[in-house]
Each structure stands twice: as C-alpha cells, then as structure tokens.
Full PDB file with SEQRES, HELIX, SHEET, SSBOND, CRYST1, ORIGX, SCALE, CONECT and MASTER records, all heavy atoms in Angstrom:
SEQRES   1 A   40  LYS THR ASP ALA LEU ARG MET GLN ILE GLU ARG ILE ASP          
SEQRES   2 A   40  PRO PHE VAL ALA ILE GLU THR LYS ASN VAL LYS VAL THR          
SEQRES   3 A   40  GLU ASP ASN ALA GLU ARG ILE PHE GLY ASP HIS ASP VAL          
SEQRES   4 A   40  ILE                                                          
HELIX    1 AA1 THR A    2  ILE A   12  1                                  11    
HELIX    2 AA2 ALA A   30  PHE A   34  1                                   5    
CRYST1    1.000    1.000    1.000  90.00  90.00  90.00 P 1           1          
ORIGX1      1.000000  0.000000  0.000000        0.00000                         
ORIGX2      0.000000  1.000000  0.000000        0.00000                         
ORIGX3      0.000000  0.000000  1.000000        0.00000                         
SCALE1      1.000000  0.000000  0.000000        0.00000                         
SCALE2      0.000000  1.000000  0.000000        0.00000                         
SCALE3      0.000000  0.000000  1.000000        0.00000                         
ATOM      1  N   LYS A   1     -53.298  33.639 214.568  1.00  0.00           N  
ATOM      2  CA  LYS A   1     -52.390  32.569 214.092  1.00  0.00           C  
ATOM      3  C   LYS A   1     -52.378  31.360 214.983  1.00  0.00           C  
ATOM      4  O   LYS A   1     -52.241  30.221 214.497  1.00  0.00           O  
ATOM      5  CB  LYS A   1     -50.964  33.163 213.913  1.00  0.00           C  
ATOM      6  CG  LYS A   1     -50.867  34.112 212.733  1.00  0.00           C  
ATOM      7  CD  LYS A   1     -49.441  34.676 212.533  1.00  0.00           C  
ATOM      8  CE  LYS A   1     -49.405  35.591 211.360  1.00  0.00           C  
ATOM      9  NZ  LYS A   1     -48.022  36.130 211.156  1.00  0.00           N  
ATOM     10  N   THR A   2     -52.567  31.576 216.291  1.00  0.00           N  
ATOM     11  CA  THR A   2     -52.601  30.449 217.176  1.00  0.00           C  
ATOM     12  C   THR A   2     -53.752  29.530 216.886  1.00  0.00           C  
ATOM     13  O   THR A   2     -53.564  28.294 216.867  1.00  0.00           O  
ATOM     14  CB  THR A   2     -52.732  30.956 218.630  1.00  0.00           C  
ATOM     15  OG1 THR A   2     -53.774  31.949 218.724  1.00  0.00           O  
ATOM     16  CG2 THR A   2     -51.424  31.599 219.115  1.00  0.00           C  
ATOM     17  N   ASP A   3     -54.898  30.095 216.540  1.00  0.00           N  
ATOM     18  CA  ASP A   3     -56.066  29.270 216.290  1.00  0.00           C  
ATOM     19  C   ASP A   3     -55.927  28.542 214.910  1.00  0.00           C  
ATOM     20  O   ASP A   3     -56.251  27.395 214.749  1.00  0.00           O  
ATOM     21  CB  ASP A   3     -57.339  30.102 216.231  1.00  0.00           C  
ATOM     22  CG  ASP A   3     -57.748  30.639 217.614  1.00  0.00           C  
ATOM     23  OD1 ASP A   3     -57.195  30.095 218.621  1.00  0.00           O  
ATOM     24  OD2 ASP A   3     -58.531  31.561 217.693  1.00  0.00           O  
ATOM     25  N   ALA A   4     -55.427  29.278 213.913  1.00  0.00           N  
ATOM     26  CA  ALA A   4     -55.271  28.723 212.583  1.00  0.00           C  
ATOM     27  C   ALA A   4     -54.285  27.612 212.583  1.00  0.00           C  
ATOM     28  O   ALA A   4     -54.459  26.546 211.917  1.00  0.00           O  
ATOM     29  CB  ALA A   4     -54.836  29.811 211.594  1.00  0.00           C  
ATOM     30  N   LEU A   5     -53.165  27.748 213.333  1.00  0.00           N  
ATOM     31  CA  LEU A   5     -52.167  26.661 213.361  1.00  0.00           C  
ATOM     32  C   LEU A   5     -52.651  25.476 214.152  1.00  0.00           C  
ATOM     33  O   LEU A   5     -52.385  24.349 213.792  1.00  0.00           O  
ATOM     34  CB  LEU A   5     -50.862  27.243 213.935  1.00  0.00           C  
ATOM     35  CG  LEU A   5     -49.584  26.475 213.620  1.00  0.00           C  
ATOM     36  CD1 LEU A   5     -49.394  26.288 212.130  1.00  0.00           C  
ATOM     37  CD2 LEU A   5     -48.369  27.177 214.208  1.00  0.00           C  
ATOM     38  N   ARG A   6     -53.345  25.724 215.266  1.00  0.00           N  
ATOM     39  CA  ARG A   6     -53.926  24.641 216.028  1.00  0.00           C  
ATOM     40  C   ARG A   6     -54.859  23.778 215.089  1.00  0.00           C  
ATOM     41  O   ARG A   6     -54.811  22.557 215.129  1.00  0.00           O  
ATOM     42  CB  ARG A   6     -54.724  25.169 217.221  1.00  0.00           C  
ATOM     43  CG  ARG A   6     -55.441  24.035 217.959  1.00  0.00           C  
ATOM     44  CD  ARG A   6     -56.502  24.563 218.861  1.00  0.00           C  
ATOM     45  NE  ARG A   6     -55.992  25.209 220.040  1.00  0.00           N  
ATOM     46  CZ  ARG A   6     -55.739  24.572 221.192  1.00  0.00           C  
ATOM     47  NH1 ARG A   6     -55.880  23.248 221.273  1.00  0.00           N  
ATOM     48  NH2 ARG A   6     -55.294  25.259 222.227  1.00  0.00           N  
ATOM     49  N   MET A   7     -55.675  24.427 214.350  1.00  0.00           N  
ATOM     50  CA  MET A   7     -56.599  23.761 213.408  1.00  0.00           C  
ATOM     51  C   MET A   7     -55.849  22.875 212.484  1.00  0.00           C  
ATOM     52  O   MET A   7     -56.230  21.741 212.256  1.00  0.00           O  
ATOM     53  CB  MET A   7     -57.404  24.814 212.676  1.00  0.00           C  
ATOM     54  CG  MET A   7     -58.421  24.185 211.700  1.00  0.00           C  
ATOM     55  SD  MET A   7     -59.217  25.504 210.723  1.00  0.00           S  
ATOM     56  CE  MET A   7     -59.922  26.510 212.015  1.00  0.00           C  
ATOM     57  N   GLN A   8     -54.789  23.397 211.924  1.00  0.00           N  
ATOM     58  CA  GLN A   8     -54.017  22.603 210.947  1.00  0.00           C  
ATOM     59  C   GLN A   8     -53.355  21.396 211.597  1.00  0.00           C  
ATOM     60  O   GLN A   8     -53.366  20.274 211.037  1.00  0.00           O  
ATOM     61  CB  GLN A   8     -52.928  23.449 210.314  1.00  0.00           C  
ATOM     62  CG  GLN A   8     -53.510  24.606 209.425  1.00  0.00           C  
ATOM     63  CD  GLN A   8     -52.401  25.367 208.749  1.00  0.00           C  
ATOM     64  OE1 GLN A   8     -51.730  24.921 207.890  1.00  0.00           O  
ATOM     65  NE2 GLN A   8     -52.146  26.563 209.306  1.00  0.00           N  
ATOM     66  N   ILE A   9     -52.728  21.583 212.759  1.00  0.00           N  
ATOM     67  CA  ILE A   9     -52.019  20.495 213.366  1.00  0.00           C  
ATOM     68  C   ILE A   9     -52.998  19.446 213.869  1.00  0.00           C  
ATOM     69  O   ILE A   9     -52.712  18.226 213.786  1.00  0.00           O  
ATOM     70  CB  ILE A   9     -51.197  21.042 214.594  1.00  0.00           C  
ATOM     71  CG1 ILE A   9     -50.052  21.879 214.058  1.00  0.00           C  
ATOM     72  CG2 ILE A   9     -50.646  19.883 215.428  1.00  0.00           C  
ATOM     73  CD1 ILE A   9     -49.246  22.633 215.118  1.00  0.00           C  
ATOM     74  N   GLU A  10     -54.132  19.792 214.291  1.00  0.00           N  
ATOM     75  CA  GLU A  10     -55.168  18.833 214.771  1.00  0.00           C  
ATOM     76  C   GLU A  10     -55.664  17.967 213.547  1.00  0.00           C  
ATOM     77  O   GLU A  10     -56.011  16.844 213.778  1.00  0.00           O  
ATOM     78  CB  GLU A  10     -56.336  19.511 215.403  1.00  0.00           C  
ATOM     79  CG  GLU A  10     -55.976  20.076 216.790  1.00  0.00           C  
ATOM     80  CD  GLU A  10     -57.106  20.795 217.410  1.00  0.00           C  
ATOM     81  OE1 GLU A  10     -58.070  21.215 216.732  1.00  0.00           O  
ATOM     82  OE2 GLU A  10     -57.084  21.049 218.688  1.00  0.00           O  
ATOM     83  N   ARG A  11     -55.581  18.517 212.342  1.00  0.00           N  
ATOM     84  CA  ARG A  11     -55.974  17.741 211.174  1.00  0.00           C  
ATOM     85  C   ARG A  11     -54.860  16.785 210.746  1.00  0.00           C  
ATOM     86  O   ARG A  11     -55.037  15.812 210.100  1.00  0.00           O  
ATOM     87  CB  ARG A  11     -56.332  18.694 210.025  1.00  0.00           C  
ATOM     88  CG  ARG A  11     -57.641  19.406 210.245  1.00  0.00           C  
ATOM     89  CD  ARG A  11     -57.906  20.418 209.133  1.00  0.00           C  
ATOM     90  NE  ARG A  11     -59.192  21.025 209.275  1.00  0.00           N  
ATOM     91  CZ  ARG A  11     -59.595  22.078 208.560  1.00  0.00           C  
ATOM     92  NH1 ARG A  11     -58.800  22.623 207.672  1.00  0.00           N  
ATOM     93  NH2 ARG A  11     -60.838  22.613 208.800  1.00  0.00           N  
ATOM     94  N   ILE A  12     -53.589  17.155 211.124  1.00  0.00           N  
ATOM     95  CA  ILE A  12     -52.441  16.292 210.837  1.00  0.00           C  
ATOM     96  C   ILE A  12     -52.289  15.202 211.801  1.00  0.00           C  
ATOM     97  O   ILE A  12     -52.107  14.019 211.511  1.00  0.00           O  
ATOM     98  CB  ILE A  12     -51.146  17.144 210.770  1.00  0.00           C  
ATOM     99  CG1 ILE A  12     -51.263  18.163 209.587  1.00  0.00           C  
ATOM    100  CG2 ILE A  12     -49.930  16.248 210.626  1.00  0.00           C  
ATOM    101  CD1 ILE A  12     -50.143  19.211 209.654  1.00  0.00           C  
ATOM    102  N   ASP A  13     -52.355  15.579 213.102  1.00  0.00           N  
ATOM    103  CA  ASP A  13     -52.199  14.613 214.217  1.00  0.00           C  
ATOM    104  C   ASP A  13     -53.038  15.058 215.396  1.00  0.00           C  
ATOM    105  O   ASP A  13     -52.669  15.883 216.175  1.00  0.00           O  
ATOM    106  CB  ASP A  13     -50.717  14.565 214.593  1.00  0.00           C  
ATOM    107  CG  ASP A  13     -50.424  13.481 215.723  1.00  0.00           C  
ATOM    108  OD1 ASP A  13     -51.421  12.993 216.293  1.00  0.00           O  
ATOM    109  OD2 ASP A  13     -49.267  13.188 215.906  1.00  0.00           O  
ATOM    110  N   PRO A  14     -54.230  14.491 215.444  1.00  0.00           N  
ATOM    111  CA  PRO A  14     -55.186  14.920 216.528  1.00  0.00           C  
ATOM    112  C   PRO A  14     -54.762  14.526 217.932  1.00  0.00           C  
ATOM    113  O   PRO A  14     -55.394  14.906 218.881  1.00  0.00           O  
ATOM    114  CB  PRO A  14     -56.487  14.246 216.116  1.00  0.00           C  
ATOM    115  CG  PRO A  14     -56.037  13.051 215.310  1.00  0.00           C  
ATOM    116  CD  PRO A  14     -54.824  13.469 214.625  1.00  0.00           C  
ATOM    117  N   PHE A  15     -53.692  13.768 218.031  1.00  0.00           N  
ATOM    118  CA  PHE A  15     -53.223  13.310 219.358  1.00  0.00           C  
ATOM    119  C   PHE A  15     -52.192  14.261 219.986  1.00  0.00           C  
ATOM    120  O   PHE A  15     -51.803  14.062 221.160  1.00  0.00           O  
ATOM    121  CB  PHE A  15     -52.669  11.922 219.272  1.00  0.00           C  
ATOM    122  CG  PHE A  15     -53.660  10.925 218.724  1.00  0.00           C  
ATOM    123  CD1 PHE A  15     -53.550  10.459 217.441  1.00  0.00           C  
ATOM    124  CD2 PHE A  15     -54.676  10.435 219.550  1.00  0.00           C  
ATOM    125  CE1 PHE A  15     -54.482   9.539 216.968  1.00  0.00           C  
ATOM    126  CE2 PHE A  15     -55.604   9.513 219.082  1.00  0.00           C  
ATOM    127  CZ  PHE A  15     -55.552   9.062 217.784  1.00  0.00           C  
ATOM    128  N   VAL A  16     -51.746  15.254 219.244  1.00  0.00           N  
ATOM    129  CA  VAL A  16     -50.795  16.221 219.842  1.00  0.00           C  
ATOM    130  C   VAL A  16     -51.567  17.110 220.821  1.00  0.00           C  
ATOM    131  O   VAL A  16     -52.650  17.637 220.527  1.00  0.00           O  
ATOM    132  CB  VAL A  16     -50.154  17.099 218.711  1.00  0.00           C  
ATOM    133  CG1 VAL A  16     -49.251  18.167 219.346  1.00  0.00           C  
ATOM    134  CG2 VAL A  16     -49.375  16.255 217.751  1.00  0.00           C  
ATOM    135  N   ALA A  17     -50.947  17.279 222.006  1.00  0.00           N  
ATOM    136  CA  ALA A  17     -51.523  18.199 222.978  1.00  0.00           C  
ATOM    137  C   ALA A  17     -51.038  19.579 222.720  1.00  0.00           C  
ATOM    138  O   ALA A  17     -49.793  19.862 222.846  1.00  0.00           O  
ATOM    139  CB  ALA A  17     -51.156  17.755 224.355  1.00  0.00           C  
ATOM    140  N   ILE A  18     -51.887  20.507 222.312  1.00  0.00           N  
ATOM    141  CA  ILE A  18     -51.542  21.818 221.892  1.00  0.00           C  
ATOM    142  C   ILE A  18     -52.030  22.840 222.897  1.00  0.00           C  
ATOM    143  O   ILE A  18     -53.206  22.848 223.256  1.00  0.00           O  
ATOM    144  CB  ILE A  18     -52.088  22.163 220.495  1.00  0.00           C  
ATOM    145  CG1 ILE A  18     -51.676  21.110 219.440  1.00  0.00           C  
ATOM    146  CG2 ILE A  18     -51.689  23.552 220.035  1.00  0.00           C  
ATOM    147  CD1 ILE A  18     -52.396  21.266 218.151  1.00  0.00           C  
ATOM    148  N   GLU A  19     -51.086  23.671 223.350  1.00  0.00           N  
ATOM    149  CA  GLU A  19     -51.437  24.807 224.232  1.00  0.00           C  
ATOM    150  C   GLU A  19     -51.135  26.061 223.391  1.00  0.00           C  
ATOM    151  O   GLU A  19     -50.074  26.163 222.760  1.00  0.00           O  
ATOM    152  CB  GLU A  19     -50.642  24.809 225.503  1.00  0.00           C  
ATOM    153  CG  GLU A  19     -50.964  25.997 226.414  1.00  0.00           C  
ATOM    154  CD  GLU A  19     -50.029  26.024 227.677  1.00  0.00           C  
ATOM    155  OE1 GLU A  19     -49.165  25.123 227.791  1.00  0.00           O  
ATOM    156  OE2 GLU A  19     -50.273  26.936 228.497  1.00  0.00           O  
ATOM    157  N   THR A  20     -52.028  27.045 223.408  1.00  0.00           N  
ATOM    158  CA  THR A  20     -51.769  28.277 222.690  1.00  0.00           C  
ATOM    159  C   THR A  20     -51.899  29.502 223.622  1.00  0.00           C  
ATOM    160  O   THR A  20     -52.662  29.476 224.556  1.00  0.00           O  
ATOM    161  CB  THR A  20     -52.758  28.480 221.502  1.00  0.00           C  
ATOM    162  OG1 THR A  20     -54.154  28.523 222.070  1.00  0.00           O  
ATOM    163  CG2 THR A  20     -52.673  27.328 220.536  1.00  0.00           C  
ATOM    164  N   LYS A  21     -51.093  30.488 223.317  1.00  0.00           N  
ATOM    165  CA  LYS A  21     -51.146  31.777 224.039  1.00  0.00           C  
ATOM    166  C   LYS A  21     -51.150  32.893 223.011  1.00  0.00           C  
ATOM    167  O   LYS A  21     -50.169  33.099 222.290  1.00  0.00           O  
ATOM    168  CB  LYS A  21     -49.944  31.888 225.014  1.00  0.00           C  
ATOM    169  CG  LYS A  21     -50.019  30.931 226.145  1.00  0.00           C  
ATOM    170  CD  LYS A  21     -48.900  31.199 227.132  1.00  0.00           C  
ATOM    171  CE  LYS A  21     -48.914  30.151 228.288  1.00  0.00           C  
ATOM    172  NZ  LYS A  21     -50.156  30.254 229.109  1.00  0.00           N  
ATOM    173  N   ASN A  22     -52.274  33.560 222.929  1.00  0.00           N  
ATOM    174  CA  ASN A  22     -52.419  34.683 221.987  1.00  0.00           C  
ATOM    175  C   ASN A  22     -52.007  35.952 222.673  1.00  0.00           C  
ATOM    176  O   ASN A  22     -52.813  36.707 223.103  1.00  0.00           O  
ATOM    177  CB  ASN A  22     -53.885  34.742 221.481  1.00  0.00           C  
ATOM    178  CG  ASN A  22     -54.069  35.689 220.365  1.00  0.00           C  
ATOM    179  OD1 ASN A  22     -53.093  36.192 219.779  1.00  0.00           O  
ATOM    180  ND2 ASN A  22     -55.280  35.925 219.950  1.00  0.00           N  
ATOM    181  N   VAL A  23     -50.679  36.131 222.766  1.00  0.00           N  
ATOM    182  CA  VAL A  23     -50.155  37.226 223.547  1.00  0.00           C  
ATOM    183  C   VAL A  23     -48.817  37.670 222.970  1.00  0.00           C  
ATOM    184  O   VAL A  23     -48.095  36.869 222.371  1.00  0.00           O  
ATOM    185  CB  VAL A  23     -49.942  36.807 225.012  1.00  0.00           C  
ATOM    186  CG1 VAL A  23     -48.956  35.689 225.149  1.00  0.00           C  
ATOM    187  CG2 VAL A  23     -49.533  38.018 225.903  1.00  0.00           C  
ATOM    188  N   LYS A  24     -48.458  38.917 223.106  1.00  0.00           N  
ATOM    189  CA  LYS A  24     -47.099  39.431 222.696  1.00  0.00           C  
ATOM    190  C   LYS A  24     -46.158  39.085 223.786  1.00  0.00           C  
ATOM    191  O   LYS A  24     -46.385  39.402 224.991  1.00  0.00           O  
ATOM    192  CB  LYS A  24     -47.216  40.924 222.420  1.00  0.00           C  
ATOM    193  CG  LYS A  24     -45.768  41.444 221.999  1.00  0.00           C  
ATOM    194  CD  LYS A  24     -45.874  42.869 221.605  1.00  0.00           C  
ATOM    195  CE  LYS A  24     -44.471  43.474 221.272  1.00  0.00           C  
ATOM    196  NZ  LYS A  24     -43.787  42.711 220.216  1.00  0.00           N  
ATOM    197  N   VAL A  25     -45.059  38.483 223.418  1.00  0.00           N  
ATOM    198  CA  VAL A  25     -43.991  38.107 224.350  1.00  0.00           C  
ATOM    199  C   VAL A  25     -43.218  39.335 224.701  1.00  0.00           C  
ATOM    200  O   VAL A  25     -42.726  40.056 223.806  1.00  0.00           O  
ATOM    201  CB  VAL A  25     -43.117  37.012 223.852  1.00  0.00           C  
ATOM    202  CG1 VAL A  25     -42.037  36.657 224.858  1.00  0.00           C  
ATOM    203  CG2 VAL A  25     -43.992  35.784 223.497  1.00  0.00           C  
ATOM    204  N   THR A  26     -43.022  39.591 225.997  1.00  0.00           N  
ATOM    205  CA  THR A  26     -42.216  40.736 226.415  1.00  0.00           C  
ATOM    206  C   THR A  26     -41.216  40.274 227.472  1.00  0.00           C  
ATOM    207  O   THR A  26     -41.259  39.133 227.970  1.00  0.00           O  
ATOM    208  CB  THR A  26     -43.090  41.821 227.078  1.00  0.00           C  
ATOM    209  OG1 THR A  26     -43.709  41.309 228.273  1.00  0.00           O  
ATOM    210  CG2 THR A  26     -44.197  42.252 226.124  1.00  0.00           C  
ATOM    211  N   GLU A  27     -40.328  41.170 227.881  1.00  0.00           N  
ATOM    212  CA  GLU A  27     -39.368  40.872 228.941  1.00  0.00           C  
ATOM    213  C   GLU A  27     -40.096  40.547 230.217  1.00  0.00           C  
ATOM    214  O   GLU A  27     -39.613  39.738 231.044  1.00  0.00           O  
ATOM    215  CB  GLU A  27     -38.464  42.021 229.126  1.00  0.00           C  
ATOM    216  CG  GLU A  27     -37.362  41.833 230.087  1.00  0.00           C  
ATOM    217  CD  GLU A  27     -36.343  42.995 230.185  1.00  0.00           C  
ATOM    218  OE1 GLU A  27     -36.636  44.038 229.493  1.00  0.00           O  
ATOM    219  OE2 GLU A  27     -35.403  42.883 230.926  1.00  0.00           O  
ATOM    220  N   ASP A  28     -41.262  41.122 230.444  1.00  0.00           N  
ATOM    221  CA  ASP A  28     -42.004  40.909 231.706  1.00  0.00           C  
ATOM    222  C   ASP A  28     -42.761  39.564 231.764  1.00  0.00           C  
ATOM    223  O   ASP A  28     -42.954  39.050 232.825  1.00  0.00           O  
ATOM    224  CB  ASP A  28     -42.994  42.035 231.894  1.00  0.00           C  
ATOM    225  CG  ASP A  28     -42.271  43.379 232.130  1.00  0.00           C  
ATOM    226  OD1 ASP A  28     -41.155  43.406 232.703  1.00  0.00           O  
ATOM    227  OD2 ASP A  28     -42.891  44.416 231.762  1.00  0.00           O  
ATOM    228  N   ASN A  29     -43.100  39.005 230.577  1.00  0.00           N  
ATOM    229  CA  ASN A  29     -43.946  37.786 230.665  1.00  0.00           C  
ATOM    230  C   ASN A  29     -43.261  36.593 230.084  1.00  0.00           C  
ATOM    231  O   ASN A  29     -43.787  35.470 230.158  1.00  0.00           O  
ATOM    232  CB  ASN A  29     -45.301  37.987 229.979  1.00  0.00           C  
ATOM    233  CG  ASN A  29     -45.203  38.271 228.498  1.00  0.00           C  
ATOM    234  OD1 ASN A  29     -44.166  37.975 227.855  1.00  0.00           O  
ATOM    235  ND2 ASN A  29     -46.288  38.833 227.905  1.00  0.00           N  
ATOM    236  N   ALA A  30     -42.091  36.735 229.525  1.00  0.00           N  
ATOM    237  CA  ALA A  30     -41.419  35.598 228.821  1.00  0.00           C  
ATOM    238  C   ALA A  30     -41.153  34.422 229.755  1.00  0.00           C  
ATOM    239  O   ALA A  30     -41.431  33.226 229.431  1.00  0.00           O  
ATOM    240  CB  ALA A  30     -40.098  36.031 228.206  1.00  0.00           C  
ATOM    241  N   GLU A  31     -40.671  34.651 230.955  1.00  0.00           N  
ATOM    242  CA  GLU A  31     -40.393  33.585 231.894  1.00  0.00           C  
ATOM    243  C   GLU A  31     -41.687  32.881 232.290  1.00  0.00           C  
ATOM    244  O   GLU A  31     -41.739  31.653 232.380  1.00  0.00           O  
ATOM    245  CB  GLU A  31     -39.725  34.142 233.165  1.00  0.00           C  
ATOM    246  CG  GLU A  31     -39.382  33.047 234.187  1.00  0.00           C  
ATOM    247  CD  GLU A  31     -38.652  33.574 235.383  1.00  0.00           C  
ATOM    248  OE1 GLU A  31     -38.272  34.764 235.421  1.00  0.00           O  
ATOM    249  OE2 GLU A  31     -38.452  32.783 236.309  1.00  0.00           O  
ATOM    250  N   ARG A  32     -42.743  33.650 232.492  1.00  0.00           N  
ATOM    251  CA  ARG A  32     -44.037  33.024 232.858  1.00  0.00           C  
ATOM    252  C   ARG A  32     -44.572  32.151 231.707  1.00  0.00           C  
ATOM    253  O   ARG A  32     -45.115  31.081 231.972  1.00  0.00           O  
ATOM    254  CB  ARG A  32     -45.037  34.126 233.235  1.00  0.00           C  
ATOM    255  CG  ARG A  32     -46.360  33.620 233.691  1.00  0.00           C  
ATOM    256  CD  ARG A  32     -47.198  34.681 234.301  1.00  0.00           C  
ATOM    257  NE  ARG A  32     -47.629  35.702 233.319  1.00  0.00           N  
ATOM    258  CZ  ARG A  32     -47.112  36.888 233.219  1.00  0.00           C  
ATOM    259  NH1 ARG A  32     -46.150  37.304 234.053  1.00  0.00           N  
ATOM    260  NH2 ARG A  32     -47.550  37.763 232.276  1.00  0.00           N  
ATOM    261  N   ILE A  33     -44.412  32.612 230.470  1.00  0.00           N  
ATOM    262  CA  ILE A  33     -44.968  31.864 229.339  1.00  0.00           C  
ATOM    263  C   ILE A  33     -44.221  30.590 229.082  1.00  0.00           C  
ATOM    264  O   ILE A  33     -44.770  29.540 228.861  1.00  0.00           O  
ATOM    265  CB  ILE A  33     -44.936  32.762 228.108  1.00  0.00           C  
ATOM    266  CG1 ILE A  33     -45.966  33.889 228.263  1.00  0.00           C  
ATOM    267  CG2 ILE A  33     -45.261  31.949 226.850  1.00  0.00           C  
ATOM    268  CD1 ILE A  33     -45.860  34.944 227.129  1.00  0.00           C  
ATOM    269  N   PHE A  34     -42.843  30.706 229.130  1.00  0.00           N  
ATOM    270  CA  PHE A  34     -42.028  29.540 228.706  1.00  0.00           C  
ATOM    271  C   PHE A  34     -41.382  28.798 229.856  1.00  0.00           C  
ATOM    272  O   PHE A  34     -40.583  27.905 229.589  1.00  0.00           O  
ATOM    273  CB  PHE A  34     -40.920  30.029 227.745  1.00  0.00           C  
ATOM    274  CG  PHE A  34     -41.501  30.702 226.502  1.00  0.00           C  
ATOM    275  CD1 PHE A  34     -41.438  32.063 226.347  1.00  0.00           C  
ATOM    276  CD2 PHE A  34     -42.145  29.957 225.521  1.00  0.00           C  
ATOM    277  CE1 PHE A  34     -41.953  32.712 225.210  1.00  0.00           C  
ATOM    278  CE2 PHE A  34     -42.663  30.560 224.426  1.00  0.00           C  
ATOM    279  CZ  PHE A  34     -42.588  31.915 224.251  1.00  0.00           C  
ATOM    280  N   GLY A  35     -41.750  29.111 231.057  1.00  0.00           N  
ATOM    281  CA  GLY A  35     -41.074  28.535 232.220  1.00  0.00           C  
ATOM    282  C   GLY A  35     -41.136  27.035 232.326  1.00  0.00           C  
ATOM    283  O   GLY A  35     -40.252  26.386 232.910  1.00  0.00           O  
ATOM    284  N   ASP A  36     -42.176  26.398 231.803  1.00  0.00           N  
ATOM    285  CA  ASP A  36     -42.373  24.983 231.858  1.00  0.00           C  
ATOM    286  C   ASP A  36     -41.741  24.257 230.669  1.00  0.00           C  
ATOM    287  O   ASP A  36     -41.882  23.025 230.586  1.00  0.00           O  
ATOM    288  CB  ASP A  36     -43.798  24.598 231.997  1.00  0.00           C  
ATOM    289  CG  ASP A  36     -44.400  25.021 233.295  1.00  0.00           C  
ATOM    290  OD1 ASP A  36     -43.663  25.160 234.295  1.00  0.00           O  
ATOM    291  OD2 ASP A  36     -45.627  25.266 233.382  1.00  0.00           O  
ATOM    292  N   HIS A  37     -41.076  24.960 229.755  1.00  0.00           N  
ATOM    293  CA  HIS A  37     -40.498  24.323 228.573  1.00  0.00           C  
ATOM    294  C   HIS A  37     -39.006  24.507 228.559  1.00  0.00           C  
ATOM    295  O   HIS A  37     -38.508  25.597 228.778  1.00  0.00           O  
ATOM    296  CB  HIS A  37     -41.141  24.983 227.295  1.00  0.00           C  
ATOM    297  CG  HIS A  37     -42.602  24.629 227.116  1.00  0.00           C  
ATOM    298  ND1 HIS A  37     -43.587  25.172 227.921  1.00  0.00           N  
ATOM    299  CD2 HIS A  37     -43.201  23.835 226.258  1.00  0.00           C  
ATOM    300  CE1 HIS A  37     -44.749  24.663 227.533  1.00  0.00           C  
ATOM    301  NE2 HIS A  37     -44.573  23.813 226.545  1.00  0.00           N  
ATOM    302  N   ASP A  38     -38.309  23.444 228.304  1.00  0.00           N  
ATOM    303  CA  ASP A  38     -36.858  23.421 228.298  1.00  0.00           C  
ATOM    304  C   ASP A  38     -36.300  23.844 226.930  1.00  0.00           C  
ATOM    305  O   ASP A  38     -35.193  24.310 226.859  1.00  0.00           O  
ATOM    306  CB  ASP A  38     -36.302  22.081 228.709  1.00  0.00           C  
ATOM    307  CG  ASP A  38     -36.611  21.734 230.114  1.00  0.00           C  
ATOM    308  OD1 ASP A  38     -36.643  22.694 230.959  1.00  0.00           O  
ATOM    309  OD2 ASP A  38     -36.799  20.570 230.456  1.00  0.00           O  
ATOM    310  N   VAL A  39     -37.062  23.652 225.847  1.00  0.00           N  
ATOM    311  CA  VAL A  39     -36.592  23.995 224.529  1.00  0.00           C  
ATOM    312  C   VAL A  39     -37.570  24.934 223.874  1.00  0.00           C  
ATOM    313  O   VAL A  39     -38.767  24.611 223.741  1.00  0.00           O  
ATOM    314  CB  VAL A  39     -36.485  22.722 223.634  1.00  0.00           C  
ATOM    315  CG1 VAL A  39     -35.932  23.061 222.284  1.00  0.00           C  
ATOM    316  CG2 VAL A  39     -35.558  21.700 224.245  1.00  0.00           C  
ATOM    317  N   ILE A  40     -37.084  26.080 223.451  1.00  0.00           N  
ATOM    318  CA  ILE A  40     -37.960  27.109 222.850  1.00  0.00           C  
ATOM    319  C   ILE A  40     -37.398  27.563 221.532  1.00  0.00           C  
ATOM    320  O   ILE A  40     -36.168  27.874 221.407  1.00  0.00           O  
ATOM    321  CB  ILE A  40     -38.043  28.369 223.778  1.00  0.00           C  
ATOM    322  CG1 ILE A  40     -38.627  28.000 225.145  1.00  0.00           C  
ATOM    323  CG2 ILE A  40     -38.838  29.466 223.104  1.00  0.00           C  
ATOM    324  CD1 ILE A  40     -37.621  27.706 226.212  1.00  0.00           C  
TER     325      ILE A  40                                                      
MASTER        0    0    0    2    0    0    0    6  324    1    0    4          
END                                                                             
C-alpha cells in the first residue's frame, strides 16, 4: 500500500516529499517511526 499510494500522490502532485515505511507499527517502534512528526 505504501508503494501504491506513493504512485498515486506523485501523479497528483509530484512536488510532495513522500517518505514511506512498509512496517507494522508496534509499541516498540512507534516512537522511532513518528518521532520527527508532530501531527499523526
């Protein structure tokens, strides 16, 4: 789904900077994944 959605968004607005993580979010990795984002 990360790849499919990136493809769609790039066709809508190729200037958006997209980062994808193909991973299951758990209690152990949630802080590491979203630590640089203030709004989730």
